[in-house]
Amino acid sequence: MKSNTIVIIVITLLLAAGAYWYFFTGTGNQPPLSTNNVPVNQAQAQFETLVGDLKPISFNTSIFSDPRFNALVDITTTVLPEPSGRPDPLAPIPGVTGH
């Protein structure tokens, strides 16, 4: 019984090591991460220039500690379901005669 448990543990470890090697060794088809590529056309060159000019975005989160913000009250109203209309809205209404 003990030897079966040891064999199962060894096989599990070998499978885990094989899965790790297969998925995480970086030998797959990964795109290059360098930006040393020469732009293909003017639009791509302009886009890369504009992307390089972007600055990181930061948000001022001090509003969340403002007492006025914390004093806000939720005033949502529950929307009650309405009955659906007639299956064919263009069909004549029963009991109504038109001239």
PDB file of N, CA and C in Angstrom:
ATOM      1  N   MET A   1       0.831  -1.187   0.000  1.00  0.00           N
ATOM      2  CA  MET A   1       0.000   0.000   0.000  1.00  0.00           C
ATOM      3  C   MET A   1       0.870   1.242   0.000  1.00  0.00           C
ATOM      4  N   LYS A   2       1.948   1.211   0.801  1.00  0.00           N
ATOM      5  CA  LYS A   2       2.847   2.349   0.874  1.00  0.00           C
ATOM      6  C   LYS A   2       3.568   2.586  -0.448  1.00  0.00           C
ATOM      7  N   SER A   3       3.985   1.505  -1.115  1.00  0.00           N
ATOM      8  CA  SER A   3       4.722   1.644  -2.370  1.00  0.00           C
ATOM      9  C   SER A   3       3.819   2.216  -3.469  1.00  0.00           C
ATOM     10  N   ASN A   4       2.531   1.877  -3.470  1.00  0.00           N
ATOM     11  CA  ASN A   4       1.593   2.443  -4.449  1.00  0.00           C
ATOM     12  C   ASN A   4       1.459   3.945  -4.248  1.00  0.00           C
ATOM     13  N   THR A   5       1.392   4.391  -3.023  1.00  0.00           N
ATOM     14  CA  THR A   5       1.276   5.813  -2.721  1.00  0.00           C
ATOM     15  C   THR A   5       2.523   6.556  -3.180  1.00  0.00           C
ATOM     16  N   ILE A   6       3.683   5.979  -2.959  1.00  0.00           N
ATOM     17  CA  ILE A   6       4.935   6.607  -3.370  1.00  0.00           C
ATOM     18  C   ILE A   6       4.997   6.684  -4.900  1.00  0.00           C
ATOM     19  N   VAL A   7       4.588   5.626  -5.575  1.00  0.00           N
ATOM     20  CA  VAL A   7       4.590   5.612  -7.045  1.00  0.00           C
ATOM     21  C   VAL A   7       3.644   6.685  -7.578  1.00  0.00           C
ATOM     22  N   ILE A   8       2.479   6.828  -6.993  1.00  0.00           N
ATOM     23  CA  ILE A   8       1.511   7.840  -7.437  1.00  0.00           C
ATOM     24  C   ILE A   8       2.072   9.240  -7.202  1.00  0.00           C
ATOM     25  N   ILE A   9       2.718   9.460  -6.086  1.00  0.00           N
ATOM     26  CA  ILE A   9       3.311  10.778  -5.791  1.00  0.00           C
ATOM     27  C   ILE A   9       4.426  11.087  -6.785  1.00  0.00           C
ATOM     28  N   VAL A  10       5.280  10.121  -7.079  1.00  0.00           N
ATOM     29  CA  VAL A  10       6.377  10.332  -8.034  1.00  0.00           C
ATOM     30  C   VAL A  10       5.826  10.634  -9.418  1.00  0.00           C
ATOM     31  N   ILE A  11       4.825   9.903  -9.866  1.00  0.00           N
ATOM     32  CA  ILE A  11       4.221  10.139 -11.192  1.00  0.00           C
ATOM     33  C   ILE A  11       3.583  11.524 -11.234  1.00  0.00           C
ATOM     34  N   THR A  12       2.904  11.916 -10.174  1.00  0.00           N
ATOM     35  CA  THR A  12       2.282  13.238 -10.120  1.00  0.00           C
ATOM     36  C   THR A  12       3.326  14.338 -10.208  1.00  0.00           C
ATOM     37  N   LEU A  13       4.438  14.172  -9.480  1.00  0.00           N
ATOM     38  CA  LEU A  13       5.511  15.162  -9.529  1.00  0.00           C
ATOM     39  C   LEU A  13       6.134  15.242 -10.919  1.00  0.00           C
ATOM     40  N   LEU A  14       6.326  14.089 -11.562  1.00  0.00           N
ATOM     41  CA  LEU A  14       6.874  14.083 -12.919  1.00  0.00           C
ATOM     42  C   LEU A  14       5.929  14.767 -13.908  1.00  0.00           C
ATOM     43  N   LEU A  15       4.640  14.515 -13.781  1.00  0.00           N
ATOM     44  CA  LEU A  15       3.652  15.170 -14.649  1.00  0.00           C
ATOM     45  C   LEU A  15       3.638  16.672 -14.415  1.00  0.00           C
ATOM     46  N   ALA A  16       3.709  17.098 -13.150  1.00  0.00           N
ATOM     47  CA  ALA A  16       3.722  18.530 -12.846  1.00  0.00           C
ATOM     48  C   ALA A  16       4.981  19.186 -13.406  1.00  0.00           C
ATOM     49  N   ALA A  17       6.130  18.534 -13.273  1.00  0.00           N
ATOM     50  CA  ALA A  17       7.378  19.086 -13.808  1.00  0.00           C
ATOM     51  C   ALA A  17       7.314  19.160 -15.330  1.00  0.00           C
ATOM     52  N   GLY A  18       6.768  18.142 -15.968  1.00  0.00           N
ATOM     53  CA  GLY A  18       6.631  18.160 -17.429  1.00  0.00           C
ATOM     54  C   GLY A  18       5.693  19.256 -17.892  1.00  0.00           C
ATOM     55  N   ALA A  19       4.594  19.458 -17.197  1.00  0.00           N
ATOM     56  CA  ALA A  19       3.645  20.519 -17.560  1.00  0.00           C
ATOM     57  C   ALA A  19       4.290  21.883 -17.374  1.00  0.00           C
ATOM     58  N   TYR A  20       5.045  22.048 -16.291  1.00  0.00           N
ATOM     59  CA  TYR A  20       5.738  23.324 -16.059  1.00  0.00           C
ATOM     60  C   TYR A  20       6.741  23.588 -17.178  1.00  0.00           C
ATOM     61  N   TRP A  21       7.514  22.602 -17.524  1.00  0.00           N
ATOM     62  CA  TRP A  21       8.517  22.763 -18.572  1.00  0.00           C
ATOM     63  C   TRP A  21       7.853  23.078 -19.908  1.00  0.00           C
ATOM     64  N   TYR A  22       6.760  22.408 -20.213  1.00  0.00           N
ATOM     65  CA  TYR A  22       6.080  22.596 -21.493  1.00  0.00           C
ATOM     66  C   TYR A  22       5.453  23.981 -21.610  1.00  0.00           C
ATOM     67  N   PHE A  23       4.807  24.455 -20.554  1.00  0.00           N
ATOM     68  CA  PHE A  23       4.048  25.706 -20.635  1.00  0.00           C
ATOM     69  C   PHE A  23       4.849  26.948 -20.246  1.00  0.00           C
ATOM     70  N   PHE A  24       5.869  26.826 -19.417  1.00  0.00           N
ATOM     71  CA  PHE A  24       6.518  28.002 -18.854  1.00  0.00           C
ATOM     72  C   PHE A  24       7.994  28.169 -19.189  1.00  0.00           C
ATOM     73  N   THR A  25       8.544  27.416 -20.143  1.00  0.00           N
ATOM     74  CA  THR A  25       9.975  27.545 -20.416  1.00  0.00           C
ATOM     75  C   THR A  25      10.281  28.608 -21.447  1.00  0.00           C
ATOM     76  N   GLY A  26       9.288  29.223 -22.061  1.00  0.00           N
ATOM     77  CA  GLY A  26       9.534  30.316 -22.992  1.00  0.00           C
ATOM     78  C   GLY A  26      10.074  29.868 -24.328  1.00  0.00           C
ATOM     79  N   THR A  27       9.813  28.635 -24.717  1.00  0.00           N
ATOM     80  CA  THR A  27      10.302  28.166 -26.007  1.00  0.00           C
ATOM     81  C   THR A  27       9.223  28.204 -27.074  1.00  0.00           C
ATOM     82  N   GLY A  28       8.065  28.771 -26.775  1.00  0.00           N
ATOM     83  CA  GLY A  28       6.971  28.821 -27.737  1.00  0.00           C
ATOM     84  C   GLY A  28       7.110  29.975 -28.703  1.00  0.00           C
ATOM     85  N   ASN A  29       6.094  30.177 -29.514  1.00  0.00           N
ATOM     86  CA  ASN A  29       6.065  31.275 -30.479  1.00  0.00           C
ATOM     87  C   ASN A  29       5.620  32.542 -29.785  1.00  0.00           C
ATOM     88  N   GLN A  30       6.579  33.302 -29.307  1.00  0.00           N
ATOM     89  CA  GLN A  30       6.267  34.542 -28.623  1.00  0.00           C
ATOM     90  C   GLN A  30       6.726  35.695 -29.494  1.00  0.00           C
ATOM     91  N   PRO A  31       5.911  36.748 -29.597  1.00  0.00           N
ATOM     92  CA  PRO A  31       6.334  37.894 -30.397  1.00  0.00           C
ATOM     93  C   PRO A  31       7.504  38.606 -29.740  1.00  0.00           C
ATOM     94  N   PRO A  32       8.348  39.214 -30.537  1.00  0.00           N
ATOM     95  CA  PRO A  32       9.474  39.937 -29.946  1.00  0.00           C
ATOM     96  C   PRO A  32       8.989  41.149 -29.161  1.00  0.00           C
ATOM     97  N   LEU A  33       9.646  41.442 -28.055  1.00  0.00           N
ATOM     98  CA  LEU A  33       9.234  42.539 -27.206  1.00  0.00           C
ATOM     99  C   LEU A  33      10.050  43.803 -27.447  1.00  0.00           C
ATOM    100  N   SER A  34      11.003  43.740 -28.344  1.00  0.00           N
ATOM    101  CA  SER A  34      11.831  44.919 -28.592  1.00  0.00           C
ATOM    102  C   SER A  34      11.122  45.872 -29.540  1.00  0.00           C
ATOM    103  N   THR A  35      11.498  47.149 -29.461  1.00  0.00           N
ATOM    104  CA  THR A  35      10.916  48.154 -30.350  1.00  0.00           C
ATOM    105  C   THR A  35      11.939  48.610 -31.374  1.00  0.00           C
ATOM    106  N   ASN A  36      12.878  47.742 -31.689  1.00  0.00           N
ATOM    107  CA  ASN A  36      13.915  48.074 -32.649  1.00  0.00           C
ATOM    108  C   ASN A  36      13.454  47.856 -34.086  1.00  0.00           C
ATOM    109  N   ASN A  37      12.196  47.544 -34.276  1.00  0.00           N
ATOM    110  CA  ASN A  37      11.675  47.289 -35.615  1.00  0.00           C
ATOM    111  C   ASN A  37      11.626  48.586 -36.402  1.00  0.00           C
ATOM    112  N   VAL A  38      11.883  48.507 -37.675  1.00  0.00           N
ATOM    113  CA  VAL A  38      11.763  49.663 -38.550  1.00  0.00           C
ATOM    114  C   VAL A  38      10.296  49.767 -38.959  1.00  0.00           C
ATOM    115  N   PRO A  39       9.664  50.948 -38.825  1.00  0.00           N
ATOM    116  CA  PRO A  39       8.263  51.088 -39.194  1.00  0.00           C
ATOM    117  C   PRO A  39       8.033  50.705 -40.658  1.00  0.00           C
ATOM    118  N   VAL A  40       6.913  50.035 -40.897  1.00  0.00           N
ATOM    119  CA  VAL A  40       6.595  49.576 -42.243  1.00  0.00           C
ATOM    120  C   VAL A  40       6.164  50.747 -43.122  1.00  0.00           C
ATOM    121  N   ASN A  41       5.361  51.648 -42.605  1.00  0.00           N
ATOM    122  CA  ASN A  41       4.889  52.778 -43.405  1.00  0.00           C
ATOM    123  C   ASN A  41       4.809  54.031 -42.533  1.00  0.00           C
ATOM    124  N   GLN A  42       4.418  55.141 -43.167  1.00  0.00           N
ATOM    125  CA  GLN A  42       4.382  56.415 -42.452  1.00  0.00           C
ATOM    126  C   GLN A  42       3.353  56.409 -41.327  1.00  0.00           C
ATOM    127  N   ALA A  43       2.197  55.772 -41.548  1.00  0.00           N
ATOM    128  CA  ALA A  43       1.155  55.731 -40.519  1.00  0.00           C
ATOM    129  C   ALA A  43       1.664  55.011 -39.269  1.00  0.00           C
ATOM    130  N   GLN A  44       2.373  53.911 -39.477  1.00  0.00           N
ATOM    131  CA  GLN A  44       2.903  53.174 -38.328  1.00  0.00           C
ATOM    132  C   GLN A  44       3.959  54.001 -37.606  1.00  0.00           C
ATOM    133  N   ALA A  45       4.796  54.700 -38.361  1.00  0.00           N
ATOM    134  CA  ALA A  45       5.824  55.543 -37.741  1.00  0.00           C
ATOM    135  C   ALA A  45       5.181  56.666 -36.942  1.00  0.00           C
ATOM    136  N   GLN A  46       4.125  57.275 -37.494  1.00  0.00           N
ATOM    137  CA  GLN A  46       3.430  58.355 -36.784  1.00  0.00           C
ATOM    138  C   GLN A  46       2.769  57.815 -35.517  1.00  0.00           C
ATOM    139  N   PHE A  47       2.161  56.635 -35.624  1.00  0.00           N
ATOM    140  CA  PHE A  47       1.518  56.027 -34.459  1.00  0.00           C
ATOM    141  C   PHE A  47       2.544  55.759 -33.369  1.00  0.00           C
ATOM    142  N   GLU A  48       3.694  55.208 -33.734  1.00  0.00           N
ATOM    143  CA  GLU A  48       4.720  54.909 -32.740  1.00  0.00           C
ATOM    144  C   GLU A  48       5.248  56.188 -32.104  1.00  0.00           C
ATOM    145  N   THR A  49       5.327  57.260 -32.874  1.00  0.00           N
ATOM    146  CA  THR A  49       5.761  58.543 -32.325  1.00  0.00           C
ATOM    147  C   THR A  49       4.743  59.054 -31.311  1.00  0.00           C
ATOM    148  N   LEU A  50       3.452  58.975 -31.665  1.00  0.00           N
ATOM    149  CA  LEU A  50       2.404  59.440 -30.754  1.00  0.00           C
ATOM    150  C   LEU A  50       2.358  58.598 -29.480  1.00  0.00           C
ATOM    151  N   VAL A  51       2.526  57.303 -29.604  1.00  0.00           N
ATOM    152  CA  VAL A  51       2.520  56.425 -28.429  1.00  0.00           C
ATOM    153  C   VAL A  51       3.695  56.768 -27.527  1.00  0.00           C
ATOM    154  N   GLY A  52       4.829  57.101 -28.114  1.00  0.00           N
ATOM    155  CA  GLY A  52       5.989  57.473 -27.317  1.00  0.00           C
ATOM    156  C   GLY A  52       5.791  58.772 -26.558  1.00  0.00           C
ATOM    157  N   ASP A  53       4.918  59.653 -27.072  1.00  0.00           N
ATOM    158  CA  ASP A  53       4.657  60.934 -26.413  1.00  0.00           C
ATOM    159  C   ASP A  53       3.663  60.830 -25.266  1.00  0.00           C
ATOM    160  N   LEU A  54       2.958  59.703 -25.150  1.00  0.00           N
ATOM    161  CA  LEU A  54       1.963  59.552 -24.087  1.00  0.00           C
ATOM    162  C   LEU A  54       2.634  59.516 -22.731  1.00  0.00           C
ATOM    163  N   LYS A  55       1.977  60.101 -21.781  1.00  0.00           N
ATOM    164  CA  LYS A  55       2.475  60.104 -20.410  1.00  0.00           C
ATOM    165  C   LYS A  55       1.581  59.187 -19.571  1.00  0.00           C
ATOM    166  N   PRO A  56       2.107  58.627 -18.501  1.00  0.00           N
ATOM    167  CA  PRO A  56       1.271  57.760 -17.670  1.00  0.00           C
ATOM    168  C   PRO A  56       0.098  58.537 -17.058  1.00  0.00           C
ATOM    169  N   ILE A  57      -1.002  57.853 -16.916  1.00  0.00           N
ATOM    170  CA  ILE A  57      -2.204  58.459 -16.350  1.00  0.00           C
ATOM    171  C   ILE A  57      -2.199  58.234 -14.842  1.00  0.00           C
ATOM    172  N   SER A  58      -2.530  59.272 -14.094  1.00  0.00           N
ATOM    173  CA  SER A  58      -2.674  59.116 -12.648  1.00  0.00           C
ATOM    174  C   SER A  58      -3.995  59.766 -12.237  1.00  0.00           C
ATOM    175  N   PHE A  59      -4.584  59.219 -11.226  1.00  0.00           N
ATOM    176  CA  PHE A  59      -5.867  59.704 -10.743  1.00  0.00           C
ATOM    177  C   PHE A  59      -5.716  60.222  -9.317  1.00  0.00           C
ATOM    178  N   ASN A  60      -6.357  61.345  -9.039  1.00  0.00           N
ATOM    179  CA  ASN A  60      -6.373  61.892  -7.692  1.00  0.00           C
ATOM    180  C   ASN A  60      -7.532  61.234  -6.951  1.00  0.00           C
ATOM    181  N   THR A  61      -7.234  60.383  -6.015  1.00  0.00           N
ATOM    182  CA  THR A  61      -8.277  59.634  -5.305  1.00  0.00           C
ATOM    183  C   THR A  61      -8.631  60.263  -3.964  1.00  0.00           C
ATOM    184  N   SER A  62      -8.226  61.494  -3.736  1.00  0.00           N
ATOM    185  CA  SER A  62      -8.538  62.133  -2.458  1.00  0.00           C
ATOM    186  C   SER A  62     -10.034  62.411  -2.304  1.00  0.00           C
ATOM    187  N   ILE A  63     -10.796  62.391  -3.399  1.00  0.00           N
ATOM    188  CA  ILE A  63     -12.243  62.623  -3.333  1.00  0.00           C
ATOM    189  C   ILE A  63     -12.919  61.570  -2.453  1.00  0.00           C
ATOM    190  N   PHE A  64     -12.367  60.350  -2.423  1.00  0.00           N
ATOM    191  CA  PHE A  64     -12.997  59.272  -1.667  1.00  0.00           C
ATOM    192  C   PHE A  64     -12.872  59.463  -0.161  1.00  0.00           C
ATOM    193  N   SER A  65     -11.971  60.324   0.275  1.00  0.00           N
ATOM    194  CA  SER A  65     -11.856  60.585   1.707  1.00  0.00           C
ATOM    195  C   SER A  65     -12.492  61.929   2.084  1.00  0.00           C
ATOM    196  N   ASP A  66     -13.077  62.618   1.129  1.00  0.00           N
ATOM    197  CA  ASP A  66     -13.741  63.902   1.374  1.00  0.00           C
ATOM    198  C   ASP A  66     -15.054  63.656   2.114  1.00  0.00           C
ATOM    199  N   PRO A  67     -15.340  64.392   3.206  1.00  0.00           N
ATOM    200  CA  PRO A  67     -16.590  64.193   3.955  1.00  0.00           C
ATOM    201  C   PRO A  67     -17.827  64.449   3.094  1.00  0.00           C
ATOM    202  N   ARG A  68     -17.739  65.360   2.145  1.00  0.00           N
ATOM    203  CA  ARG A  68     -18.895  65.622   1.282  1.00  0.00           C
ATOM    204  C   ARG A  68     -19.205  64.411   0.417  1.00  0.00           C
ATOM    205  N   PHE A  69     -18.176  63.725  -0.071  1.00  0.00           N
ATOM    206  CA  PHE A  69     -18.396  62.521  -0.869  1.00  0.00           C
ATOM    207  C   PHE A  69     -18.986  61.415  -0.001  1.00  0.00           C
ATOM    208  N   ASN A  70     -18.460  61.252   1.187  1.00  0.00           N
ATOM    209  CA  ASN A  70     -18.950  60.202   2.095  1.00  0.00           C
ATOM    210  C   ASN A  70     -20.356  60.492   2.598  1.00  0.00           C
ATOM    211  N   ALA A  71     -20.816  61.741   2.505  1.00  0.00           N
ATOM    212  CA  ALA A  71     -22.167  62.082   2.956  1.00  0.00           C
ATOM    213  C   ALA A  71     -23.212  61.838   1.870  1.00  0.00           C
ATOM    214  N   LEU A  72     -22.784  61.483   0.663  1.00  0.00           N
ATOM    215  CA  LEU A  72     -23.750  61.234  -0.404  1.00  0.00           C
ATOM    216  C   LEU A  72     -24.641  60.048  -0.054  1.00  0.00           C
ATOM    217  N   VAL A  73     -25.919  60.146  -0.464  1.00  0.00           N
ATOM    218  CA  VAL A  73     -26.901  59.107  -0.166  1.00  0.00           C
ATOM    219  C   VAL A  73     -27.407  58.524  -1.473  1.00  0.00           C
ATOM    220  N   ASP A  74     -27.554  57.243  -1.509  1.00  0.00           N
ATOM    221  CA  ASP A  74     -28.061  56.552  -2.697  1.00  0.00           C
ATOM    222  C   ASP A  74     -29.567  56.763  -2.789  1.00  0.00           C
ATOM    223  N   ILE A  75     -30.052  57.347  -3.890  1.00  0.00           N
ATOM    224  CA  ILE A  75     -31.482  57.634  -4.039  1.00  0.00           C
ATOM    225  C   ILE A  75     -32.091  56.829  -5.193  1.00  0.00           C
ATOM    226  N   THR A  76     -31.573  55.649  -5.425  1.00  0.00           N
ATOM    227  CA  THR A  76     -32.100  54.839  -6.521  1.00  0.00           C
ATOM    228  C   THR A  76     -33.533  54.418  -6.230  1.00  0.00           C
ATOM    229  N   THR A  77     -34.294  54.243  -7.290  1.00  0.00           N
ATOM    230  CA  THR A  77     -35.682  53.820  -7.196  1.00  0.00           C
ATOM    231  C   THR A  77     -35.819  52.454  -7.833  1.00  0.00           C
ATOM    232  N   THR A  78     -36.521  51.571  -7.173  1.00  0.00           N
ATOM    233  CA  THR A  78     -36.735  50.241  -7.712  1.00  0.00           C
ATOM    234  C   THR A  78     -37.680  50.320  -8.899  1.00  0.00           C
ATOM    235  N   VAL A  79     -37.295  49.681  -9.996  1.00  0.00           N
ATOM    236  CA  VAL A  79     -38.134  49.662 -11.191  1.00  0.00           C
ATOM    237  C   VAL A  79     -38.954  48.382 -11.150  1.00  0.00           C
ATOM    238  N   LEU A  80     -40.270  48.555 -11.137  1.00  0.00           N
ATOM    239  CA  LEU A  80     -41.169  47.411 -11.094  1.00  0.00           C
ATOM    240  C   LEU A  80     -41.395  46.888 -12.505  1.00  0.00           C
ATOM    241  N   PRO A  81     -41.512  45.587 -12.670  1.00  0.00           N
ATOM    242  CA  PRO A  81     -41.726  45.038 -14.008  1.00  0.00           C
ATOM    243  C   PRO A  81     -43.110  45.425 -14.528  1.00  0.00           C
ATOM    244  N   GLU A  82     -43.178  45.728 -15.801  1.00  0.00           N
ATOM    245  CA  GLU A  82     -44.437  46.076 -16.461  1.00  0.00           C
ATOM    246  C   GLU A  82     -44.918  44.885 -17.271  1.00  0.00           C
ATOM    247  N   PRO A  83     -46.251  44.731 -17.408  1.00  0.00           N
ATOM    248  CA  PRO A  83     -46.745  43.634 -18.244  1.00  0.00           C
ATOM    249  C   PRO A  83     -46.393  43.901 -19.707  1.00  0.00           C
ATOM    250  N   SER A  84     -46.106  42.843 -20.431  1.00  0.00           N
ATOM    251  CA  SER A  84     -45.765  43.011 -21.843  1.00  0.00           C
ATOM    252  C   SER A  84     -47.020  43.331 -22.641  1.00  0.00           C
ATOM    253  N   GLY A  85     -46.821  43.923 -23.797  1.00  0.00           N
ATOM    254  CA  GLY A  85     -47.942  44.316 -24.657  1.00  0.00           C
ATOM    255  C   GLY A  85     -48.501  43.137 -25.431  1.00  0.00           C
ATOM    256  N   ARG A  86     -49.290  43.467 -26.444  1.00  0.00           N
ATOM    257  CA  ARG A  86     -49.897  42.412 -27.257  1.00  0.00           C
ATOM    258  C   ARG A  86     -48.848  41.750 -28.137  1.00  0.00           C
ATOM    259  N   PRO A  87     -49.033  40.483 -28.475  1.00  0.00           N
ATOM    260  CA  PRO A  87     -48.058  39.792 -29.326  1.00  0.00           C
ATOM    261  C   PRO A  87     -47.945  40.450 -30.711  1.00  0.00           C
ATOM    262  N   ASP A  88     -49.088  40.917 -31.256  1.00  0.00           N
ATOM    263  CA  ASP A  88     -49.076  41.589 -32.556  1.00  0.00           C
ATOM    264  C   ASP A  88     -49.710  42.954 -32.376  1.00  0.00           C
ATOM    265  N   PRO A  89     -48.917  44.011 -32.231  1.00  0.00           N
ATOM    266  CA  PRO A  89     -49.471  45.327 -31.953  1.00  0.00           C
ATOM    267  C   PRO A  89     -50.285  45.910 -33.114  1.00  0.00           C
ATOM    268  N   LEU A  90     -50.141  45.380 -34.304  1.00  0.00           N
ATOM    269  CA  LEU A  90     -50.862  45.894 -35.472  1.00  0.00           C
ATOM    270  C   LEU A  90     -52.168  45.148 -35.722  1.00  0.00           C
ATOM    271  N   ALA A  91     -52.432  44.106 -34.975  1.00  0.00           N
ATOM    272  CA  ALA A  91     -53.676  43.351 -35.151  1.00  0.00           C
ATOM    273  C   ALA A  91     -54.826  44.177 -34.612  1.00  0.00           C
ATOM    274  N   PRO A  92     -56.032  43.997 -35.179  1.00  0.00           N
ATOM    275  CA  PRO A  92     -57.201  44.735 -34.674  1.00  0.00           C
ATOM    276  C   PRO A  92     -57.478  44.373 -33.220  1.00  0.00           C
ATOM    277  N   ILE A  93     -57.945  45.373 -32.472  1.00  0.00           N
ATOM    278  CA  ILE A  93     -58.269  45.161 -31.063  1.00  0.00           C
ATOM    279  C   ILE A  93     -59.627  44.486 -30.994  1.00  0.00           C
ATOM    280  N   PRO A  94     -59.716  43.392 -30.284  1.00  0.00           N
ATOM    281  CA  PRO A  94     -61.018  42.700 -30.188  1.00  0.00           C
ATOM    282  C   PRO A  94     -62.056  43.577 -29.503  1.00  0.00           C
ATOM    283  N   GLY A  95     -63.269  43.600 -30.063  1.00  0.00           N
ATOM    284  CA  GLY A  95     -64.366  44.358 -29.464  1.00  0.00           C
ATOM    285  C   GLY A  95     -64.406  45.804 -29.904  1.00  0.00           C
ATOM    286  N   VAL A  96     -63.462  46.283 -30.686  1.00  0.00           N
ATOM    287  CA  VAL A  96     -63.448  47.665 -31.138  1.00  0.00           C
ATOM    288  C   VAL A  96     -63.693  47.668 -32.645  1.00  0.00           C
ATOM    289  N   THR A  97     -64.697  48.412 -33.058  1.00  0.00           N
ATOM    290  CA  THR A  97     -64.958  48.520 -34.496  1.00  0.00           C
ATOM    291  C   THR A  97     -64.522  49.894 -34.974  1.00  0.00           C
ATOM    292  N   GLY A  98     -63.856  49.935 -36.065  1.00  0.00           N
ATOM    293  CA  GLY A  98     -63.357  51.198 -36.587  1.00  0.00           C
ATOM    294  C   GLY A  98     -64.130  51.648 -37.798  1.00  0.00           C
ATOM    295  N   HIS A  99     -64.221  52.942 -38.041  1.00  0.00           N
ATOM    296  CA  HIS A  99     -64.920  53.464 -39.208  1.00  0.00           C
ATOM    297  C   HIS A  99     -63.960  53.955 -40.215  1.00  0.00           C
TER     298      HIS A  99
END
